[in-house]
Structure formats: structure tokens, C-alpha cells
Amino acid sequence: MKIAIIGRGAVGKAIGGGWAAAGHQVVYGVRAPSAADETETAPAAADADVVVIATPWSAVPVVVAAAGGLAGKTVIDCTNPLALIDGRLQLAIGHTTSGGETLAALAPEASVVKTLNQLGAENLGGARRFPAPPVMFAAGDDATRKAVALRLVGDLGFEAIDAGPLVNSRLLESLAMLWIDQALARGAGRAFAYARIRRAT
């Protein structure tokens, strides 16, 4: 599958490396290409089957515009709308909407799936290093496009779980905040993930 990852920060590199290892064709869309696997944002998005937004939240409107609006594309949204508010890291847009819904409004002709936002970057390319597959939820309104995203999440070594419609991005972004709080403020460190464990019947 041809995958365009917009942004080559820690998140983009982690998932891009994992997908390349799984046999996918990965290109990075960046403002100033300087490597063989980089190109400008618009052509990267135009030629891809799936476009992944892996930039800081503040860059999302600029990225959507630079990508030409993303009409007809399956778009995986890895972002979290984080901001420092009253000295604390919080969700910048509260709990009555989400970054996933905001991105969908910016790109109304795309099909947005929120996923790969719930853990730190170092875990996104290293899911197979855990003793059991960690879970990664995905929320989106188009079942066919969401199935594509879930397969890609599975290719990274996660137990990929359908989290329902895009409105449930609100839950997934809050789950990301919980991971950040545990990792940075509660002493858990960054080398942990969530898993779904079933009890014996």
C-alpha cells in the first residue's frame, strides 16, 4: 500500500519505519524534502492510498491546505490537540469536540480515522517488543476506510480495535492524555502501553 506520512517527527518516523518493514511503500510529505523518501506535501498526498497526519496539532490547518484538501483520501489522524492551560498540559478543545472531528471539518471530502494517537512515539514502532500485543483503538465513520486503517495498525503489531464513530475521537484523545499523565507525572515512564486482557470464563 502507498502511504504518505505528513510530518517526519518522532511519530512519523516510528510508524513509517514499522510500515516499511511490513512491506508498505512509505513516503514522507515535508516542506523541504532532503531525502530519497521525502517529497513535498501535495504530491505525497496525491499519490498515496492513505495519508497520515503526524504533525503537531497546531500545524493541522496548514497541512490540510498544503495537501490540497485531501478529497477522496483515507486520512489517519495521529494528532492530539494539546496545549498548556493554567500551567497544565490539557486538551486544547475540551471534551465537547475532538481533534479528529476538527480535522474532518477541515477536510470534509476525506474520510478521517483517528488512531495511533494513544501512546508515545517510541511505542508506535515497537509494539512487538511487548510481551502481549498492546491495543490501539480506531474511530471513524466510514466502515470500509476504517477497516483499512485497522489493518495498517495491525501491521505495526497492535491488537487493532474498532472504537466506533469519529465522535469517539474524544475518548481516544482523552486516553492519550491519561497515557501522558501516567508517563510524565505518575512515574510510569514511557515504556508502557494498554492491553485488553480477558478473564477466564
N, C-alpha and C. Protein backbone atom coordinates (compact mmCIF):
# COMPACT_ATOMS: atom_id res chain seq x y z
N MET A 1 0.84 -1.19 0.00
CA MET A 1 0.00 0.00 0.00
C MET A 1 0.88 1.25 0.00
N LYS A 2 0.47 2.27 -0.72
CA LYS A 2 1.20 3.53 -0.73
C LYS A 2 0.70 4.41 0.41
N ILE A 3 1.61 4.77 1.28
CA ILE A 3 1.25 5.56 2.47
C ILE A 3 2.08 6.84 2.47
N ALA A 4 1.41 7.98 2.55
CA ALA A 4 2.08 9.26 2.70
C ALA A 4 1.95 9.71 4.15
N ILE A 5 3.07 9.87 4.82
CA ILE A 5 3.08 10.37 6.19
C ILE A 5 3.48 11.83 6.14
N ILE A 6 2.56 12.68 6.57
CA ILE A 6 2.83 14.12 6.56
C ILE A 6 3.45 14.48 7.90
N GLY A 7 4.74 14.78 7.85
CA GLY A 7 5.49 15.06 9.06
C GLY A 7 6.51 13.96 9.31
N ARG A 8 7.73 14.34 9.63
CA ARG A 8 8.76 13.34 9.89
C ARG A 8 9.37 13.56 11.27
N GLY A 9 8.51 13.79 12.25
CA GLY A 9 8.96 13.84 13.63
C GLY A 9 9.02 12.42 14.20
N ALA A 10 9.04 12.32 15.53
CA ALA A 10 9.18 11.02 16.18
C ALA A 10 8.04 10.07 15.82
N VAL A 11 6.80 10.58 15.80
CA VAL A 11 5.66 9.73 15.48
C VAL A 11 5.74 9.25 14.04
N GLY A 12 5.96 10.16 13.11
CA GLY A 12 6.03 9.80 11.71
C GLY A 12 7.11 8.78 11.42
N LYS A 13 8.30 8.99 11.99
CA LYS A 13 9.40 8.05 11.76
C LYS A 13 9.11 6.69 12.35
N ALA A 14 8.48 6.65 13.52
CA ALA A 14 8.20 5.37 14.17
C ALA A 14 7.23 4.53 13.36
N ILE A 15 6.10 5.12 12.97
CA ILE A 15 5.12 4.33 12.23
C ILE A 15 5.57 4.08 10.80
N GLY A 16 6.28 5.04 10.22
CA GLY A 16 6.80 4.84 8.87
C GLY A 16 7.78 3.69 8.79
N GLY A 17 8.66 3.62 9.77
CA GLY A 17 9.61 2.52 9.81
C GLY A 17 8.92 1.18 9.98
N GLY A 18 7.89 1.15 10.83
CA GLY A 18 7.14 -0.09 11.03
C GLY A 18 6.42 -0.54 9.79
N TRP A 19 5.81 0.40 9.07
CA TRP A 19 5.08 0.04 7.85
C TRP A 19 6.03 -0.34 6.73
N ALA A 20 7.16 0.32 6.62
CA ALA A 20 8.13 -0.06 5.60
C ALA A 20 8.63 -1.48 5.84
N ALA A 21 8.86 -1.83 7.11
CA ALA A 21 9.30 -3.17 7.45
C ALA A 21 8.23 -4.21 7.13
N ALA A 22 6.95 -3.79 7.15
CA ALA A 22 5.84 -4.69 6.84
C ALA A 22 5.57 -4.77 5.34
N GLY A 23 6.36 -4.06 4.54
CA GLY A 23 6.25 -4.16 3.09
C GLY A 23 5.47 -3.07 2.41
N HIS A 24 5.06 -2.04 3.15
CA HIS A 24 4.32 -0.94 2.54
C HIS A 24 5.29 0.07 1.93
N GLN A 25 4.79 0.81 0.96
CA GLN A 25 5.57 1.87 0.32
C GLN A 25 5.29 3.17 1.05
N VAL A 26 6.30 3.70 1.73
CA VAL A 26 6.12 4.87 2.58
C VAL A 26 6.89 6.05 2.01
N VAL A 27 6.21 7.19 1.93
CA VAL A 27 6.86 8.44 1.57
C VAL A 27 6.48 9.48 2.61
N TYR A 28 7.40 10.39 2.90
CA TYR A 28 7.14 11.45 3.87
C TYR A 28 6.88 12.76 3.14
N GLY A 29 5.78 13.39 3.46
CA GLY A 29 5.47 14.69 2.91
C GLY A 29 5.98 15.77 3.84
N VAL A 30 6.91 16.58 3.38
CA VAL A 30 7.53 17.62 4.20
C VAL A 30 7.65 18.91 3.39
N ARG A 31 7.90 20.00 4.10
CA ARG A 31 8.00 21.29 3.41
C ARG A 31 9.26 21.40 2.57
N ALA A 32 10.36 20.85 3.06
CA ALA A 32 11.64 20.97 2.35
C ALA A 32 12.28 19.59 2.24
N PRO A 33 11.92 18.82 1.23
CA PRO A 33 12.46 17.46 1.09
C PRO A 33 13.98 17.46 1.01
N SER A 34 14.60 16.49 1.70
CA SER A 34 16.07 16.40 1.67
C SER A 34 16.55 14.95 1.65
N ALA A 35 15.62 14.00 1.53
CA ALA A 35 15.99 12.59 1.49
C ALA A 35 15.22 11.90 0.38
N ALA A 36 15.68 10.71 0.01
CA ALA A 36 15.08 10.00 -1.12
C ALA A 36 13.63 9.61 -0.87
N ASP A 37 13.26 9.42 0.39
CA ASP A 37 11.88 9.03 0.71
C ASP A 37 11.03 10.22 1.16
N GLU A 38 11.45 11.42 0.81
CA GLU A 38 10.69 12.63 1.12
C GLU A 38 10.27 13.34 -0.16
N THR A 39 9.12 13.98 -0.10
CA THR A 39 8.68 14.84 -1.19
C THR A 39 7.81 15.93 -0.58
N GLU A 40 7.40 16.87 -1.38
CA GLU A 40 6.54 17.93 -0.86
C GLU A 40 5.16 17.37 -0.53
N THR A 41 4.45 18.08 0.31
CA THR A 41 3.21 17.55 0.88
C THR A 41 2.16 17.22 -0.18
N ALA A 42 1.91 18.13 -1.11
CA ALA A 42 0.83 17.92 -2.08
C ALA A 42 1.05 16.69 -2.96
N PRO A 43 2.21 16.52 -3.60
CA PRO A 43 2.40 15.31 -4.40
C PRO A 43 2.43 14.04 -3.57
N ALA A 44 2.95 14.10 -2.36
CA ALA A 44 2.95 12.92 -1.49
C ALA A 44 1.52 12.47 -1.23
N ALA A 45 0.64 13.40 -0.88
CA ALA A 45 -0.76 13.06 -0.60
C ALA A 45 -1.48 12.60 -1.85
N ALA A 46 -1.23 13.26 -2.97
CA ALA A 46 -1.95 12.94 -4.20
C ALA A 46 -1.70 11.52 -4.67
N ASP A 47 -0.49 11.01 -4.44
CA ASP A 47 -0.11 9.70 -4.97
C ASP A 47 -0.37 8.56 -3.99
N ALA A 48 -0.88 8.87 -2.80
CA ALA A 48 -0.99 7.86 -1.75
C ALA A 48 -2.38 7.24 -1.68
N ASP A 49 -2.42 5.99 -1.22
CA ASP A 49 -3.69 5.34 -0.90
C ASP A 49 -4.21 5.83 0.44
N VAL A 50 -3.28 6.06 1.37
CA VAL A 50 -3.61 6.50 2.73
C VAL A 50 -2.69 7.66 3.08
N VAL A 51 -3.26 8.70 3.66
CA VAL A 51 -2.48 9.86 4.11
C VAL A 51 -2.54 9.91 5.64
N VAL A 52 -1.39 10.02 6.27
CA VAL A 52 -1.29 10.02 7.72
C VAL A 52 -0.85 11.40 8.18
N ILE A 53 -1.61 12.01 9.07
CA ILE A 53 -1.25 13.31 9.63
C ILE A 53 -0.50 13.06 10.93
N ALA A 54 0.80 13.34 10.92
CA ALA A 54 1.66 13.08 12.08
C ALA A 54 2.46 14.33 12.41
N THR A 55 1.76 15.45 12.47
CA THR A 55 2.38 16.74 12.77
C THR A 55 1.89 17.23 14.13
N PRO A 56 2.50 18.25 14.68
CA PRO A 56 1.90 18.89 15.85
C PRO A 56 0.48 19.39 15.52
N TRP A 57 -0.36 19.41 16.52
CA TRP A 57 -1.75 19.81 16.31
C TRP A 57 -1.86 21.20 15.67
N SER A 58 -1.02 22.11 16.08
CA SER A 58 -1.10 23.48 15.58
C SER A 58 -0.87 23.57 14.08
N ALA A 59 -0.21 22.56 13.50
CA ALA A 59 0.10 22.59 12.06
C ALA A 59 -1.00 22.00 11.20
N VAL A 60 -2.04 21.41 11.80
CA VAL A 60 -3.04 20.67 11.02
C VAL A 60 -3.72 21.54 9.96
N PRO A 61 -4.21 22.73 10.25
CA PRO A 61 -4.86 23.51 9.18
C PRO A 61 -3.92 23.81 8.01
N VAL A 62 -2.66 24.09 8.31
CA VAL A 62 -1.69 24.38 7.26
C VAL A 62 -1.43 23.12 6.43
N VAL A 63 -1.35 21.98 7.08
CA VAL A 63 -1.09 20.71 6.39
C VAL A 63 -2.23 20.36 5.46
N VAL A 64 -3.46 20.51 5.92
CA VAL A 64 -4.61 20.19 5.07
C VAL A 64 -4.61 21.07 3.83
N ALA A 65 -4.34 22.36 4.02
CA ALA A 65 -4.28 23.26 2.87
C ALA A 65 -3.14 22.88 1.93
N ALA A 66 -1.98 22.58 2.49
CA ALA A 66 -0.82 22.22 1.66
C ALA A 66 -1.05 20.93 0.89
N ALA A 67 -1.86 20.03 1.46
CA ALA A 67 -2.14 18.75 0.82
C ALA A 67 -3.26 18.85 -0.21
N GLY A 68 -3.82 20.01 -0.37
CA GLY A 68 -4.86 20.20 -1.38
C GLY A 68 -6.24 19.80 -0.94
N GLY A 69 -6.46 19.68 0.36
CA GLY A 69 -7.80 19.39 0.88
C GLY A 69 -8.08 17.93 1.13
N LEU A 70 -7.29 17.01 0.55
CA LEU A 70 -7.38 15.57 0.83
C LEU A 70 -8.67 14.92 0.37
N ALA A 71 -9.31 15.48 -0.63
CA ALA A 71 -10.58 14.93 -1.12
C ALA A 71 -10.40 13.49 -1.58
N GLY A 72 -11.30 12.64 -1.13
CA GLY A 72 -11.31 11.24 -1.53
C GLY A 72 -10.30 10.36 -0.83
N LYS A 73 -9.51 10.91 0.06
CA LYS A 73 -8.45 10.15 0.70
C LYS A 73 -8.90 9.54 2.04
N THR A 74 -8.32 8.39 2.35
CA THR A 74 -8.38 7.85 3.70
C THR A 74 -7.29 8.55 4.49
N VAL A 75 -7.68 9.23 5.56
CA VAL A 75 -6.74 10.04 6.34
C VAL A 75 -6.68 9.49 7.76
N ILE A 76 -5.51 9.07 8.17
CA ILE A 76 -5.29 8.64 9.55
C ILE A 76 -4.78 9.83 10.35
N ASP A 77 -5.49 10.15 11.41
CA ASP A 77 -5.15 11.29 12.25
C ASP A 77 -4.47 10.79 13.52
N CYS A 78 -3.16 11.06 13.62
CA CYS A 78 -2.37 10.66 14.79
C CYS A 78 -2.22 11.78 15.81
N THR A 79 -2.82 12.90 15.57
CA THR A 79 -2.56 14.08 16.40
C THR A 79 -3.37 14.06 17.69
N ASN A 80 -2.92 14.87 18.63
CA ASN A 80 -3.68 15.16 19.84
C ASN A 80 -3.66 16.68 20.05
N PRO A 81 -4.83 17.27 20.29
CA PRO A 81 -4.89 18.74 20.42
C PRO A 81 -4.46 19.20 21.80
N LEU A 82 -3.17 19.20 22.04
CA LEU A 82 -2.62 19.50 23.36
C LEU A 82 -2.24 20.97 23.48
N ALA A 83 -2.38 21.49 24.71
CA ALA A 83 -1.97 22.87 24.97
C ALA A 83 -1.72 23.02 26.46
N LEU A 84 -0.83 23.93 26.80
CA LEU A 84 -0.63 24.28 28.21
C LEU A 84 -1.71 25.27 28.62
N ILE A 85 -2.54 24.89 29.57
CA ILE A 85 -3.63 25.74 30.07
C ILE A 85 -3.49 25.82 31.58
N ASP A 86 -3.36 27.03 32.10
CA ASP A 86 -3.16 27.23 33.54
C ASP A 86 -1.98 26.41 34.06
N GLY A 87 -0.93 26.32 33.24
CA GLY A 87 0.26 25.62 33.65
C GLY A 87 0.22 24.12 33.54
N ARG A 88 -0.88 23.57 33.02
CA ARG A 88 -1.01 22.11 32.88
C ARG A 88 -1.25 21.74 31.43
N LEU A 89 -0.68 20.62 31.02
CA LEU A 89 -0.93 20.11 29.68
C LEU A 89 -2.33 19.52 29.63
N GLN A 90 -3.15 20.04 28.72
CA GLN A 90 -4.55 19.61 28.63
C GLN A 90 -4.97 19.54 27.17
N LEU A 91 -6.17 19.00 26.96
CA LEU A 91 -6.75 19.03 25.63
C LEU A 91 -7.21 20.45 25.34
N ALA A 92 -6.73 21.01 24.24
CA ALA A 92 -6.98 22.42 23.94
C ALA A 92 -8.43 22.69 23.61
N ILE A 93 -9.17 21.69 23.17
CA ILE A 93 -10.55 21.93 22.73
C ILE A 93 -11.56 21.21 23.61
N GLY A 94 -11.15 20.82 24.81
CA GLY A 94 -12.10 20.28 25.78
C GLY A 94 -12.63 18.91 25.40
N HIS A 95 -13.85 18.62 25.86
CA HIS A 95 -14.43 17.29 25.69
C HIS A 95 -15.73 17.31 24.88
N THR A 96 -16.08 18.44 24.30
CA THR A 96 -17.31 18.52 23.52
C THR A 96 -17.06 18.42 22.02
N THR A 97 -15.80 18.31 21.65
CA THR A 97 -15.42 18.01 20.28
C THR A 97 -14.06 17.33 20.35
N SER A 98 -13.39 17.16 19.23
CA SER A 98 -12.10 16.47 19.24
C SER A 98 -11.25 16.96 18.08
N GLY A 99 -9.97 16.63 18.15
CA GLY A 99 -9.11 16.93 17.02
C GLY A 99 -9.52 16.18 15.77
N GLY A 100 -9.96 14.92 15.96
CA GLY A 100 -10.41 14.14 14.81
C GLY A 100 -11.58 14.78 14.09
N GLU A 101 -12.56 15.25 14.86
CA GLU A 101 -13.72 15.92 14.26
C GLU A 101 -13.33 17.24 13.61
N THR A 102 -12.40 17.95 14.24
CA THR A 102 -11.94 19.22 13.69
C THR A 102 -11.22 18.99 12.36
N LEU A 103 -10.38 17.97 12.30
CA LEU A 103 -9.70 17.64 11.05
C LEU A 103 -10.71 17.27 9.97
N ALA A 104 -11.74 16.50 10.34
CA ALA A 104 -12.76 16.12 9.36
C ALA A 104 -13.49 17.34 8.83
N ALA A 105 -13.69 18.35 9.67
CA ALA A 105 -14.34 19.58 9.21
C ALA A 105 -13.43 20.36 8.27
N LEU A 106 -12.12 20.30 8.51
CA LEU A 106 -11.17 20.98 7.64
C LEU A 106 -11.02 20.27 6.30
N ALA A 107 -11.27 18.95 6.29
CA ALA A 107 -11.13 18.15 5.07
C ALA A 107 -12.43 17.36 4.86
N PRO A 108 -13.53 18.05 4.53
CA PRO A 108 -14.84 17.41 4.52
C PRO A 108 -15.01 16.34 3.46
N GLU A 109 -14.16 16.33 2.44
CA GLU A 109 -14.27 15.31 1.39
C GLU A 109 -13.32 14.14 1.61
N ALA A 110 -12.65 14.12 2.73
CA ALA A 110 -11.79 12.99 3.11
C ALA A 110 -12.53 12.11 4.10
N SER A 111 -12.00 10.92 4.32
CA SER A 111 -12.53 10.01 5.34
C SER A 111 -11.49 9.89 6.44
N VAL A 112 -11.78 10.48 7.59
CA VAL A 112 -10.81 10.58 8.68
C VAL A 112 -11.00 9.44 9.67
N VAL A 113 -9.89 8.82 10.05
CA VAL A 113 -9.87 7.79 11.09
C VAL A 113 -8.87 8.24 12.16
N LYS A 114 -9.34 8.33 13.39
CA LYS A 114 -8.45 8.69 14.49
C LYS A 114 -7.84 7.42 15.08
N THR A 115 -6.52 7.33 15.06
CA THR A 115 -5.82 6.20 15.66
C THR A 115 -4.33 6.54 15.77
N LEU A 116 -3.57 5.64 16.40
CA LEU A 116 -2.13 5.82 16.59
C LEU A 116 -1.80 7.11 17.32
N ASN A 117 -2.71 7.54 18.18
CA ASN A 117 -2.51 8.75 18.98
C ASN A 117 -2.45 8.46 20.46
N GLN A 118 -2.60 7.21 20.87
CA GLN A 118 -2.87 6.89 22.28
C GLN A 118 -1.64 6.54 23.10
N LEU A 119 -0.48 6.48 22.44
CA LEU A 119 0.77 6.12 23.12
C LEU A 119 1.88 7.05 22.67
N GLY A 120 2.99 7.03 23.40
CA GLY A 120 4.15 7.79 22.99
C GLY A 120 4.77 7.21 21.73
N ALA A 121 5.50 8.05 21.01
CA ALA A 121 6.04 7.67 19.72
C ALA A 121 6.92 6.43 19.79
N GLU A 122 7.70 6.28 20.87
CA GLU A 122 8.63 5.16 20.94
C GLU A 122 7.93 3.82 20.99
N ASN A 123 6.65 3.80 21.34
CA ASN A 123 5.88 2.56 21.37
C ASN A 123 5.19 2.27 20.05
N LEU A 124 5.03 3.27 19.20
CA LEU A 124 4.27 3.08 17.97
C LEU A 124 5.00 2.20 16.97
N GLY A 125 6.31 2.26 16.95
CA GLY A 125 7.08 1.40 16.06
C GLY A 125 7.63 0.17 16.75
N GLY A 126 7.30 0.00 18.03
CA GLY A 126 7.87 -1.11 18.80
C GLY A 126 6.84 -1.96 19.50
N ALA A 127 5.64 -2.08 18.93
CA ALA A 127 4.58 -2.84 19.60
C ALA A 127 4.97 -4.29 19.83
N ARG A 128 5.77 -4.86 18.94
CA ARG A 128 6.13 -6.27 19.07
C ARG A 128 7.15 -6.52 20.18
N ARG A 129 7.64 -5.48 20.80
CA ARG A 129 8.57 -5.65 21.92
C ARG A 129 7.85 -5.91 23.24
N PHE A 130 6.53 -5.74 23.25
CA PHE A 130 5.76 -6.02 24.46
C PHE A 130 5.46 -7.52 24.56
N PRO A 131 5.29 -8.04 25.78
CA PRO A 131 5.02 -9.48 25.93
C PRO A 131 3.67 -9.92 25.39
N ALA A 132 2.75 -8.99 25.28
CA ALA A 132 1.43 -9.25 24.66
C ALA A 132 1.12 -8.07 23.76
N PRO A 133 0.36 -8.30 22.68
CA PRO A 133 0.07 -7.18 21.78
C PRO A 133 -0.67 -6.06 22.50
N PRO A 134 -0.14 -4.85 22.51
CA PRO A 134 -0.88 -3.73 23.07
C PRO A 134 -2.06 -3.37 22.17
N VAL A 135 -3.06 -2.74 22.75
CA VAL A 135 -4.23 -2.37 21.96
C VAL A 135 -4.03 -0.97 21.37
N MET A 136 -4.66 -0.77 20.23
CA MET A 136 -4.73 0.55 19.61
C MET A 136 -6.12 0.68 19.03
N PHE A 137 -6.86 1.68 19.49
CA PHE A 137 -8.23 1.90 19.05
C PHE A 137 -8.27 2.80 17.83
N ALA A 138 -9.30 2.63 17.03
CA ALA A 138 -9.50 3.46 15.84
C ALA A 138 -10.96 3.87 15.75
N ALA A 139 -11.20 5.15 15.53
CA ALA A 139 -12.56 5.68 15.42
C ALA A 139 -12.73 6.36 14.07
N GLY A 140 -13.83 6.06 13.39
CA GLY A 140 -14.11 6.67 12.09
C GLY A 140 -15.51 6.33 11.64
N ASP A 141 -16.03 7.11 10.70
CA ASP A 141 -17.42 6.95 10.28
C ASP A 141 -17.60 6.03 9.08
N ASP A 142 -16.58 5.85 8.28
CA ASP A 142 -16.68 5.02 7.08
C ASP A 142 -16.10 3.64 7.42
N ALA A 143 -16.95 2.62 7.45
CA ALA A 143 -16.52 1.30 7.89
C ALA A 143 -15.44 0.72 6.99
N THR A 144 -15.56 0.95 5.68
CA THR A 144 -14.58 0.40 4.75
C THR A 144 -13.22 1.05 4.93
N ARG A 145 -13.21 2.37 5.04
CA ARG A 145 -11.94 3.09 5.23
C ARG A 145 -11.34 2.78 6.61
N LYS A 146 -12.20 2.64 7.61
CA LYS A 146 -11.70 2.32 8.95
C LYS A 146 -11.06 0.93 8.96
N ALA A 147 -11.62 0.00 8.20
CA ALA A 147 -11.04 -1.34 8.11
C ALA A 147 -9.63 -1.29 7.55
N VAL A 148 -9.39 -0.41 6.58
CA VAL A 148 -8.05 -0.23 6.03
C VAL A 148 -7.10 0.26 7.13
N ALA A 149 -7.55 1.25 7.89
CA ALA A 149 -6.72 1.78 8.97
C ALA A 149 -6.43 0.71 10.02
N LEU A 150 -7.44 -0.09 10.35
CA LEU A 150 -7.25 -1.14 11.34
C LEU A 150 -6.23 -2.17 10.87
N ARG A 151 -6.25 -2.49 9.58
CA ARG A 151 -5.25 -3.43 9.06
C ARG A 151 -3.85 -2.85 9.18
N LEU A 152 -3.71 -1.57 8.88
CA LEU A 152 -2.40 -0.93 8.99
C LEU A 152 -1.93 -0.88 10.44
N VAL A 153 -2.84 -0.63 11.35
CA VAL A 153 -2.48 -0.65 12.78
C VAL A 153 -2.02 -2.05 13.18
N GLY A 154 -2.73 -3.06 12.71
CA GLY A 154 -2.32 -4.43 12.98
C GLY A 154 -0.95 -4.76 12.42
N ASP A 155 -0.61 -4.18 11.27
CA ASP A 155 0.70 -4.41 10.67
C ASP A 155 1.84 -3.88 11.54
N LEU A 156 1.53 -2.98 12.44
CA LEU A 156 2.54 -2.45 13.37
C LEU A 156 2.69 -3.33 14.61
N GLY A 157 1.85 -4.36 14.73
CA GLY A 157 1.95 -5.27 15.87
C GLY A 157 0.94 -5.04 16.97
N PHE A 158 -0.02 -4.13 16.75
CA PHE A 158 -1.05 -3.86 17.75
C PHE A 158 -2.25 -4.78 17.59
N GLU A 159 -2.99 -4.98 18.67
CA GLU A 159 -4.34 -5.51 18.58
C GLU A 159 -5.22 -4.31 18.19
N ALA A 160 -5.65 -4.27 16.95
CA ALA A 160 -6.39 -3.12 16.42
C ALA A 160 -7.87 -3.29 16.74
N ILE A 161 -8.45 -2.31 17.39
CA ILE A 161 -9.82 -2.42 17.88
C ILE A 161 -10.67 -1.26 17.35
N ASP A 162 -11.82 -1.61 16.80
CA ASP A 162 -12.78 -0.61 16.31
C ASP A 162 -13.41 0.10 17.50
N ALA A 163 -13.23 1.42 17.56
CA ALA A 163 -13.76 2.22 18.67
C ALA A 163 -15.02 2.97 18.29
N GLY A 164 -15.63 2.62 17.14
CA GLY A 164 -16.87 3.27 16.79
C GLY A 164 -16.69 4.48 15.91
N PRO A 165 -17.66 5.40 15.92
CA PRO A 165 -17.67 6.55 15.00
C PRO A 165 -16.61 7.58 15.37
N LEU A 166 -16.40 8.52 14.46
CA LEU A 166 -15.36 9.53 14.65
C LEU A 166 -15.58 10.37 15.90
N VAL A 167 -16.83 10.55 16.30
CA VAL A 167 -17.10 11.32 17.52
C VAL A 167 -16.36 10.72 18.72
N ASN A 168 -16.06 9.42 18.67
CA ASN A 168 -15.34 8.78 19.77
C ASN A 168 -13.86 9.12 19.78
N SER A 169 -13.42 9.95 18.84
CA SER A 169 -12.09 10.54 18.95
C SER A 169 -11.93 11.26 20.28
N ARG A 170 -13.02 11.76 20.81
CA ARG A 170 -12.98 12.45 22.11
C ARG A 170 -12.47 11.49 23.20
N LEU A 171 -12.88 10.24 23.12
CA LEU A 171 -12.44 9.24 24.09
C LEU A 171 -10.98 8.88 23.86
N LEU A 172 -10.58 8.75 22.60
CA LEU A 172 -9.21 8.33 22.30
C LEU A 172 -8.22 9.43 22.64
N GLU A 173 -8.59 10.68 22.43
CA GLU A 173 -7.69 11.77 22.80
C GLU A 173 -7.58 11.91 24.31
N SER A 174 -8.65 11.61 25.03
CA SER A 174 -8.57 11.58 26.49
C SER A 174 -7.71 10.42 26.97
N LEU A 175 -7.78 9.29 26.26
CA LEU A 175 -6.93 8.15 26.59
C LEU A 175 -5.46 8.52 26.40
N ALA A 176 -5.18 9.29 25.37
CA ALA A 176 -3.81 9.78 25.17
C ALA A 176 -3.37 10.66 26.33
N MET A 177 -4.26 11.52 26.80
CA MET A 177 -3.93 12.38 27.93
C MET A 177 -3.64 11.54 29.18
N LEU A 178 -4.39 10.45 29.37
CA LEU A 178 -4.14 9.58 30.51
C LEU A 178 -2.75 8.95 30.41
N TRP A 179 -2.38 8.50 29.19
CA TRP A 179 -1.05 7.91 29.00
C TRP A 179 0.03 8.95 29.31
N ILE A 180 -0.15 10.17 28.81
CA ILE A 180 0.84 11.22 29.05
C ILE A 180 0.96 11.51 30.55
N ASP A 181 -0.16 11.58 31.24
CA ASP A 181 -0.13 11.86 32.68
C ASP A 181 0.57 10.74 33.43
N GLN A 182 0.26 9.49 33.08
CA GLN A 182 0.92 8.37 33.73
C GLN A 182 2.42 8.37 33.45
N ALA A 183 2.78 8.64 32.20
CA ALA A 183 4.19 8.58 31.80
C ALA A 183 5.02 9.69 32.41
N LEU A 184 4.46 10.89 32.43
CA LEU A 184 5.26 12.06 32.80
C LEU A 184 5.04 12.54 34.22
N ALA A 185 3.86 12.28 34.79
CA ALA A 185 3.57 12.83 36.12
C ALA A 185 3.38 11.78 37.20
N ARG A 186 3.18 10.51 36.85
CA ARG A 186 2.88 9.47 37.85
C ARG A 186 3.97 8.43 37.97
N GLY A 187 5.09 8.67 37.30
CA GLY A 187 6.24 7.79 37.47
C GLY A 187 6.22 6.51 36.67
N ALA A 188 5.28 6.36 35.74
CA ALA A 188 5.21 5.12 34.97
C ALA A 188 6.29 5.02 33.90
N GLY A 189 6.87 6.15 33.52
CA GLY A 189 7.82 6.13 32.41
C GLY A 189 7.09 5.95 31.09
N ARG A 190 7.84 5.90 30.01
CA ARG A 190 7.23 5.89 28.68
C ARG A 190 7.14 4.50 28.05
N ALA A 191 7.72 3.49 28.67
CA ALA A 191 7.79 2.17 28.06
C ALA A 191 6.60 1.30 28.47
N PHE A 192 5.40 1.84 28.39
CA PHE A 192 4.22 1.04 28.70
C PHE A 192 3.13 1.33 27.69
N ALA A 193 2.18 0.41 27.60
CA ALA A 193 1.06 0.54 26.68
C ALA A 193 -0.16 -0.09 27.32
N TYR A 194 -1.30 0.10 26.69
CA TYR A 194 -2.53 -0.52 27.16
C TYR A 194 -2.71 -1.87 26.47
N ALA A 195 -3.31 -2.83 27.20
CA ALA A 195 -3.63 -4.13 26.61
C ALA A 195 -5.03 -4.53 27.04
N ARG A 196 -5.69 -5.34 26.21
CA ARG A 196 -7.01 -5.88 26.55
C ARG A 196 -6.83 -7.33 26.98
N ILE A 197 -7.14 -7.60 28.23
CA ILE A 197 -6.97 -8.94 28.80
C ILE A 197 -8.33 -9.48 29.19
N ARG A 198 -8.63 -10.67 28.77
CA ARG A 198 -9.92 -11.30 29.07
C ARG A 198 -9.76 -12.25 30.25
N ARG A 199 -10.73 -12.24 31.14
CA ARG A 199 -10.70 -13.17 32.28
C ARG A 199 -11.12 -14.57 31.82
N ALA A 200 -10.75 -15.54 32.60
CA ALA A 200 -11.18 -16.89 32.30
C ALA A 200 -12.68 -17.01 32.54
N THR A 201 -13.36 -17.80 31.72
CA THR A 201 -14.82 -17.94 31.88
C THR A 201 -15.17 -18.80 33.07
